[in-house]
């Protein structure tokens, strides 16, 4: 059995599903532990990798989803 990392974001528990780094950006993909249809994407702050920050805009959301899709297709 694989250990999973659980994070509290906005007072909800999320399980880290995937972590992808591309061009100095690291995206984190989460699923709500208690609500299976609640997903979020965050990225690590480039200046302090201890902090997760929201994505900048809709284009960055599309980029992050495309990275995840391509990773899944490669598997």
PDB file of N, CA and C in Angstrom:
ATOM      1  N   UNK A   1       0.842  -1.168   0.000  1.00  0.00           N
ATOM      2  CA  UNK A   1       0.000   0.000   0.000  1.00  0.00           C
ATOM      3  C   UNK A   1       0.893   1.239   0.000  1.00  0.00           C
ATOM      4  N   UNK A   2       0.511   2.247  -0.755  1.00  0.00           N
ATOM      5  CA  UNK A   2       1.307   3.460  -0.885  1.00  0.00           C
ATOM      6  C   UNK A   2       0.828   4.516   0.111  1.00  0.00           C
ATOM      7  N   UNK A   3       1.776   5.162   0.780  1.00  0.00           N
ATOM      8  CA  UNK A   3       1.439   6.276   1.667  1.00  0.00           C
ATOM      9  C   UNK A   3       1.009   7.469   0.834  1.00  0.00           C
ATOM     10  N   UNK A   4       0.030   8.204   1.305  1.00  0.00           N
ATOM     11  CA  UNK A   4      -0.415   9.418   0.613  1.00  0.00           C
ATOM     12  C   UNK A   4      -0.213  10.600   1.542  1.00  0.00           C
ATOM     13  N   UNK A   5       0.050  11.751   0.929  1.00  0.00           N
ATOM     14  CA  UNK A   5       0.218  12.967   1.698  1.00  0.00           C
ATOM     15  C   UNK A   5      -1.125  13.686   1.775  1.00  0.00           C
ATOM     16  N   UNK A   6      -1.500  14.096   2.981  1.00  0.00           N
ATOM     17  CA  UNK A   6      -2.750  14.815   3.202  1.00  0.00           C
ATOM     18  C   UNK A   6      -2.410  16.244   3.615  1.00  0.00           C
ATOM     19  N   UNK A   7      -3.072  17.196   2.962  1.00  0.00           N
ATOM     20  CA  UNK A   7      -2.877  18.617   3.241  1.00  0.00           C
ATOM     21  C   UNK A   7      -4.215  19.230   3.624  1.00  0.00           C
ATOM     22  N   UNK A   8      -4.184  20.206   4.494  1.00  0.00           N
ATOM     23  CA  UNK A   8      -5.386  20.972   4.815  1.00  0.00           C
ATOM     24  C   UNK A   8      -5.316  22.277   4.032  1.00  0.00           C
ATOM     25  N   UNK A   9      -6.308  22.472   3.167  1.00  0.00           N
ATOM     26  CA  UNK A   9      -6.391  23.671   2.335  1.00  0.00           C
ATOM     27  C   UNK A   9      -7.797  24.221   2.497  1.00  0.00           C
ATOM     28  N   UNK A  10      -7.898  25.466   2.890  1.00  0.00           N
ATOM     29  CA  UNK A  10      -9.208  26.098   3.118  1.00  0.00           C
ATOM     30  C   UNK A  10     -10.075  25.266   4.061  1.00  0.00           C
ATOM     31  N   UNK A  11      -9.457  24.757   5.116  1.00  0.00           N
ATOM     32  CA  UNK A  11     -10.131  23.967   6.156  1.00  0.00           C
ATOM     33  C   UNK A  11     -10.720  22.648   5.653  1.00  0.00           C
ATOM     34  N   UNK A  12     -10.207  22.143   4.533  1.00  0.00           N
ATOM     35  CA  UNK A  12     -10.634  20.841   4.010  1.00  0.00           C
ATOM     36  C   UNK A  12      -9.396  19.975   3.824  1.00  0.00           C
ATOM     37  N   UNK A  13      -9.576  18.661   3.942  1.00  0.00           N
ATOM     38  CA  UNK A  13      -8.464  17.731   3.770  1.00  0.00           C
ATOM     39  C   UNK A  13      -8.375  17.297   2.309  1.00  0.00           C
ATOM     40  N   UNK A  14      -7.174  17.445   1.742  1.00  0.00           N
ATOM     41  CA  UNK A  14      -6.939  17.051   0.359  1.00  0.00           C
ATOM     42  C   UNK A  14      -5.775  16.079   0.287  1.00  0.00           C
ATOM     43  N   UNK A  15      -5.904  15.108  -0.593  1.00  0.00           N
ATOM     44  CA  UNK A  15      -4.867  14.121  -0.832  1.00  0.00           C
ATOM     45  C   UNK A  15      -4.077  14.561  -2.061  1.00  0.00           C
ATOM     46  N   UNK A  16      -2.751  14.546  -1.959  1.00  0.00           N
ATOM     47  CA  UNK A  16      -1.898  14.881  -3.090  1.00  0.00           C
ATOM     48  C   UNK A  16      -1.916  13.716  -4.077  1.00  0.00           C
ATOM     49  N   UNK A  17      -2.394  13.986  -5.290  1.00  0.00           N
ATOM     50  CA  UNK A  17      -2.486  12.952  -6.312  1.00  0.00           C
ATOM     51  C   UNK A  17      -1.263  12.910  -7.215  1.00  0.00           C
ATOM     52  N   UNK A  18      -0.725  14.107  -7.502  1.00  0.00           N
ATOM     53  CA  UNK A  18       0.367  14.185  -8.449  1.00  0.00           C
ATOM     54  C   UNK A  18       1.156  15.463  -8.232  1.00  0.00           C
ATOM     55  N   UNK A  19       2.398  15.435  -8.651  1.00  0.00           N
ATOM     56  CA  UNK A  19       3.278  16.606  -8.562  1.00  0.00           C
ATOM     57  C   UNK A  19       4.096  16.633  -9.850  1.00  0.00           C
ATOM     58  N   UNK A  20       3.993  17.737 -10.606  1.00  0.00           N
ATOM     59  CA  UNK A  20       4.674  17.837 -11.892  1.00  0.00           C
ATOM     60  C   UNK A  20       5.470  19.134 -11.934  1.00  0.00           C
ATOM     61  N   UNK A  21       6.744  19.014 -12.299  1.00  0.00           N
ATOM     62  CA  UNK A  21       7.592  20.198 -12.464  1.00  0.00           C
ATOM     63  C   UNK A  21       7.913  20.362 -13.940  1.00  0.00           C
ATOM     64  N   UNK A  22       7.704  21.579 -14.424  1.00  0.00           N
ATOM     65  CA  UNK A  22       7.983  21.911 -15.831  1.00  0.00           C
ATOM     66  C   UNK A  22       8.407  23.369 -15.901  1.00  0.00           C
ATOM     67  N   UNK A  23       9.564  23.622 -16.517  1.00  0.00           N
ATOM     68  CA  UNK A  23      10.067  24.993 -16.704  1.00  0.00           C
ATOM     69  C   UNK A  23      10.068  25.789 -15.396  1.00  0.00           C
ATOM     70  N   UNK A  24      10.616  25.216 -14.364  1.00  0.00           N
ATOM     71  CA  UNK A  24      10.751  25.856 -13.054  1.00  0.00           C
ATOM     72  C   UNK A  24       9.439  26.039 -12.290  1.00  0.00           C
ATOM     73  N   UNK A  25       8.335  25.578 -12.828  1.00  0.00           N
ATOM     74  CA  UNK A  25       7.048  25.621 -12.122  1.00  0.00           C
ATOM     75  C   UNK A  25       6.711  24.218 -11.638  1.00  0.00           C
ATOM     76  N   UNK A  26       6.290  24.112 -10.386  1.00  0.00           N
ATOM     77  CA  UNK A  26       5.868  22.823  -9.833  1.00  0.00           C
ATOM     78  C   UNK A  26       4.394  22.912  -9.486  1.00  0.00           C
ATOM     79  N   UNK A  27       3.603  22.053 -10.144  1.00  0.00           N
ATOM     80  CA  UNK A  27       2.151  22.015  -9.941  1.00  0.00           C
ATOM     81  C   UNK A  27       1.789  20.828  -9.064  1.00  0.00           C
ATOM     82  N   UNK A  28       0.855  21.066  -8.151  1.00  0.00           N
ATOM     83  CA  UNK A  28       0.378  20.040  -7.224  1.00  0.00           C
ATOM     84  C   UNK A  28      -1.104  19.817  -7.500  1.00  0.00           C
ATOM     85  N   UNK A  29      -1.475  18.555  -7.641  1.00  0.00           N
ATOM     86  CA  UNK A  29      -2.851  18.176  -7.979  1.00  0.00           C
ATOM     87  C   UNK A  29      -3.454  17.443  -6.784  1.00  0.00           C
ATOM     88  N   UNK A  30      -4.580  17.948  -6.303  1.00  0.00           N
ATOM     89  CA  UNK A  30      -5.201  17.428  -5.084  1.00  0.00           C
ATOM     90  C   UNK A  30      -6.637  16.990  -5.313  1.00  0.00           C
ATOM     91  N   UNK A  31      -7.060  16.020  -4.514  1.00  0.00           N
ATOM     92  CA  UNK A  31      -8.456  15.599  -4.456  1.00  0.00           C
ATOM     93  C   UNK A  31      -8.925  15.660  -3.005  1.00  0.00           C
ATOM     94  N   UNK A  32     -10.123  16.170  -2.810  1.00  0.00           N
ATOM     95  CA  UNK A  32     -10.706  16.255  -1.474  1.00  0.00           C
ATOM     96  C   UNK A  32     -10.899  14.841  -0.933  1.00  0.00           C
ATOM     97  N   UNK A  33     -10.460  14.613   0.279  1.00  0.00           N
ATOM     98  CA  UNK A  33     -10.541  13.299   0.901  1.00  0.00           C
ATOM     99  C   UNK A  33     -11.995  12.856   1.089  1.00  0.00           C
ATOM    100  N   UNK A  34     -12.886  13.795   1.372  1.00  0.00           N
ATOM    101  CA  UNK A  34     -14.268  13.465   1.703  1.00  0.00           C
ATOM    102  C   UNK A  34     -15.252  13.716   0.568  1.00  0.00           C
ATOM    103  N   UNK A  35     -14.846  14.447  -0.449  1.00  0.00           N
ATOM    104  CA  UNK A  35     -15.715  14.746  -1.593  1.00  0.00           C
ATOM    105  C   UNK A  35     -14.940  14.454  -2.867  1.00  0.00           C
ATOM    106  N   UNK A  36     -15.183  13.296  -3.449  1.00  0.00           N
ATOM    107  CA  UNK A  36     -14.405  12.823  -4.584  1.00  0.00           C
ATOM    108  C   UNK A  36     -14.447  13.688  -5.824  1.00  0.00           C
ATOM    109  N   UNK A  37     -15.438  14.553  -5.944  1.00  0.00           N
ATOM    110  CA  UNK A  37     -15.525  15.400  -7.137  1.00  0.00           C
ATOM    111  C   UNK A  37     -14.937  16.790  -6.900  1.00  0.00           C
ATOM    112  N   UNK A  38     -14.223  16.992  -5.807  1.00  0.00           N
ATOM    113  CA  UNK A  38     -13.612  18.275  -5.472  1.00  0.00           C
ATOM    114  C   UNK A  38     -12.108  18.165  -5.693  1.00  0.00           C
ATOM    115  N   UNK A  39     -11.625  18.771  -6.787  1.00  0.00           N
ATOM    116  CA  UNK A  39     -10.206  18.759  -7.131  1.00  0.00           C
ATOM    117  C   UNK A  39      -9.680  20.188  -7.139  1.00  0.00           C
ATOM    118  N   UNK A  40      -8.413  20.347  -6.766  1.00  0.00           N
ATOM    119  CA  UNK A  40      -7.779  21.659  -6.878  1.00  0.00           C
ATOM    120  C   UNK A  40      -6.349  21.487  -7.386  1.00  0.00           C
ATOM    121  N   UNK A  41      -5.850  22.547  -7.989  1.00  0.00           N
ATOM    122  CA  UNK A  41      -4.470  22.591  -8.459  1.00  0.00           C
ATOM    123  C   UNK A  41      -3.822  23.818  -7.827  1.00  0.00           C
ATOM    124  N   UNK A  42      -2.643  23.628  -7.289  1.00  0.00           N
ATOM    125  CA  UNK A  42      -1.857  24.724  -6.745  1.00  0.00           C
ATOM    126  C   UNK A  42      -0.455  24.612  -7.334  1.00  0.00           C
ATOM    127  N   UNK A  43       0.352  25.634  -7.122  1.00  0.00           N
ATOM    128  CA  UNK A  43       1.752  25.544  -7.521  1.00  0.00           C
ATOM    129  C   UNK A  43       2.613  26.010  -6.365  1.00  0.00           C
ATOM    130  N   UNK A  44       3.864  25.550  -6.382  1.00  0.00           N
ATOM    131  CA  UNK A  44       4.790  25.959  -5.346  1.00  0.00           C
ATOM    132  C   UNK A  44       5.323  27.341  -5.681  1.00  0.00           C
ATOM    133  N   UNK A  45       5.443  28.161  -4.667  1.00  0.00           N
ATOM    134  CA  UNK A  45       6.020  29.484  -4.823  1.00  0.00           C
ATOM    135  C   UNK A  45       7.491  29.315  -5.204  1.00  0.00           C
ATOM    136  N   UNK A  46       7.916  29.973  -6.282  1.00  0.00           N
ATOM    137  CA  UNK A  46       9.295  29.832  -6.760  1.00  0.00           C
ATOM    138  C   UNK A  46      10.315  30.361  -5.756  1.00  0.00           C
ATOM    139  N   UNK A  47       9.922  31.354  -4.977  1.00  0.00           N
ATOM    140  CA  UNK A  47      10.861  31.955  -4.036  1.00  0.00           C
ATOM    141  C   UNK A  47      10.920  31.214  -2.702  1.00  0.00           C
ATOM    142  N   UNK A  48       9.874  30.456  -2.401  1.00  0.00           N
ATOM    143  CA  UNK A  48       9.847  29.688  -1.158  1.00  0.00           C
ATOM    144  C   UNK A  48       8.998  28.438  -1.381  1.00  0.00           C
ATOM    145  N   UNK A  49       9.661  27.329  -1.653  1.00  0.00           N
ATOM    146  CA  UNK A  49       8.965  26.080  -1.980  1.00  0.00           C
ATOM    147  C   UNK A  49       8.158  25.494  -0.837  1.00  0.00           C
ATOM    148  N   UNK A  50       8.129  26.167   0.292  1.00  0.00           N
ATOM    149  CA  UNK A  50       7.298  25.710   1.409  1.00  0.00           C
ATOM    150  C   UNK A  50       5.861  26.206   1.261  1.00  0.00           C
ATOM    151  N   UNK A  51       5.626  27.132   0.343  1.00  0.00           N
ATOM    152  CA  UNK A  51       4.298  27.733   0.187  1.00  0.00           C
ATOM    153  C   UNK A  51       3.645  27.332  -1.125  1.00  0.00           C
ATOM    154  N   UNK A  52       2.367  26.980  -1.038  1.00  0.00           N
ATOM    155  CA  UNK A  52       1.564  26.729  -2.225  1.00  0.00           C
ATOM    156  C   UNK A  52       0.765  27.992  -2.522  1.00  0.00           C
ATOM    157  N   UNK A  53       0.672  28.310  -3.805  1.00  0.00           N
ATOM    158  CA  UNK A  53      -0.091  29.487  -4.202  1.00  0.00           C
ATOM    159  C   UNK A  53      -1.086  29.097  -5.297  1.00  0.00           C
ATOM    160  N   UNK A  54      -2.162  29.877  -5.434  1.00  0.00           N
ATOM    161  CA  UNK A  54      -3.122  29.601  -6.507  1.00  0.00           C
ATOM    162  C   UNK A  54      -2.492  29.874  -7.872  1.00  0.00           C
ATOM    163  N   UNK A  55      -3.080  29.318  -8.894  1.00  0.00           N
ATOM    164  CA  UNK A  55      -2.619  29.578 -10.249  1.00  0.00           C
ATOM    165  C   UNK A  55      -3.013  30.998 -10.645  1.00  0.00           C
ATOM    166  N   UNK A  56      -2.261  31.573 -11.573  1.00  0.00           N
ATOM    167  CA  UNK A  56      -2.427  32.978 -11.924  1.00  0.00           C
ATOM    168  C   UNK A  56      -3.722  33.304 -12.650  1.00  0.00           C
ATOM    169  N   UNK A  57      -4.092  32.455 -13.601  1.00  0.00           N
ATOM    170  CA  UNK A  57      -5.247  32.768 -14.443  1.00  0.00           C
ATOM    171  C   UNK A  57      -5.723  31.507 -15.161  1.00  0.00           C
ATOM    172  N   UNK A  58      -6.727  31.674 -15.997  1.00  0.00           N
ATOM    173  CA  UNK A  58      -7.313  30.536 -16.707  1.00  0.00           C
ATOM    174  C   UNK A  58      -6.293  29.864 -17.632  1.00  0.00           C
ATOM    175  N   UNK A  59      -5.412  30.643 -18.241  1.00  0.00           N
ATOM    176  CA  UNK A  59      -4.392  30.058 -19.116  1.00  0.00           C
ATOM    177  C   UNK A  59      -3.457  29.135 -18.338  1.00  0.00           C
ATOM    178  N   UNK A  60      -3.109  29.529 -17.131  1.00  0.00           N
ATOM    179  CA  UNK A  60      -2.242  28.672 -16.330  1.00  0.00           C
ATOM    180  C   UNK A  60      -2.981  27.410 -15.884  1.00  0.00           C
ATOM    181  N   UNK A  61      -4.265  27.518 -15.626  1.00  0.00           N
ATOM    182  CA  UNK A  61      -5.065  26.326 -15.300  1.00  0.00           C
ATOM    183  C   UNK A  61      -5.040  25.355 -16.478  1.00  0.00           C
ATOM    184  N   UNK A  62      -5.235  25.871 -17.676  1.00  0.00           N
ATOM    185  CA  UNK A  62      -5.201  25.026 -18.877  1.00  0.00           C
ATOM    186  C   UNK A  62      -3.840  24.365 -19.033  1.00  0.00           C
ATOM    187  N   UNK A  63      -2.768  25.127 -18.787  1.00  0.00           N
ATOM    188  CA  UNK A  63      -1.414  24.593 -18.876  1.00  0.00           C
ATOM    189  C   UNK A  63      -1.222  23.444 -17.887  1.00  0.00           C
ATOM    190  N   UNK A  64      -1.662  23.647 -16.653  1.00  0.00           N
ATOM    191  CA  UNK A  64      -1.503  22.629 -15.619  1.00  0.00           C
ATOM    192  C   UNK A  64      -2.294  21.361 -15.953  1.00  0.00           C
ATOM    193  N   UNK A  65      -3.491  21.533 -16.477  1.00  0.00           N
ATOM    194  CA  UNK A  65      -4.307  20.369 -16.864  1.00  0.00           C
ATOM    195  C   UNK A  65      -3.664  19.634 -18.025  1.00  0.00           C
ATOM    196  N   UNK A  66      -3.122  20.380 -18.982  1.00  0.00           N
ATOM    197  CA  UNK A  66      -2.445  19.757 -20.116  1.00  0.00           C
ATOM    198  C   UNK A  66      -1.217  18.973 -19.659  1.00  0.00           C
ATOM    199  N   UNK A  67      -0.458  19.509 -18.726  1.00  0.00           N
ATOM    200  CA  UNK A  67       0.703  18.782 -18.189  1.00  0.00           C
ATOM    201  C   UNK A  67       0.280  17.456 -17.562  1.00  0.00           C
ATOM    202  N   UNK A  68      -0.801  17.486 -16.791  1.00  0.00           N
ATOM    203  CA  UNK A  68      -1.289  16.263 -16.158  1.00  0.00           C
ATOM    204  C   UNK A  68      -1.785  15.267 -17.205  1.00  0.00           C
ATOM    205  N   UNK A  69      -2.520  15.760 -18.186  1.00  0.00           N
ATOM    206  CA  UNK A  69      -3.030  14.887 -19.249  1.00  0.00           C
ATOM    207  C   UNK A  69      -1.883  14.229 -20.000  1.00  0.00           C
ATOM    208  N   UNK A  70      -0.870  15.023 -20.363  1.00  0.00           N
ATOM    209  CA  UNK A  70       0.276  14.459 -21.085  1.00  0.00           C
ATOM    210  C   UNK A  70       1.021  13.434 -20.242  1.00  0.00           C
ATOM    211  N   UNK A  71       1.145  13.689 -18.955  1.00  0.00           N
ATOM    212  CA  UNK A  71       1.818  12.728 -18.077  1.00  0.00           C
ATOM    213  C   UNK A  71       1.045  11.410 -18.038  1.00  0.00           C
ATOM    214  N   UNK A  72      -0.272  11.489 -17.967  1.00  0.00           N
ATOM    215  CA  UNK A  72      -1.095  10.281 -17.917  1.00  0.00           C
ATOM    216  C   UNK A  72      -1.011   9.512 -19.226  1.00  0.00           C
ATOM    217  N   UNK A  73      -0.915  10.225 -20.355  1.00  0.00           N
ATOM    218  CA  UNK A  73      -0.814   9.565 -21.653  1.00  0.00           C
ATOM    219  C   UNK A  73       0.533   8.860 -21.831  1.00  0.00           C
ATOM    220  N   UNK A  74       1.572   9.403 -21.189  1.00  0.00           N
ATOM    221  CA  UNK A  74       2.906   8.804 -21.276  1.00  0.00           C
ATOM    222  C   UNK A  74       3.035   7.540 -20.430  1.00  0.00           C
ATOM    223  N   UNK A  75       2.193   7.412 -19.438  1.00  0.00           N
ATOM    224  CA  UNK A  75       2.289   6.278 -18.503  1.00  0.00           C
ATOM    225  C   UNK A  75       1.838   4.978 -19.136  1.00  0.00           C
TER     226      UNK A  75
END
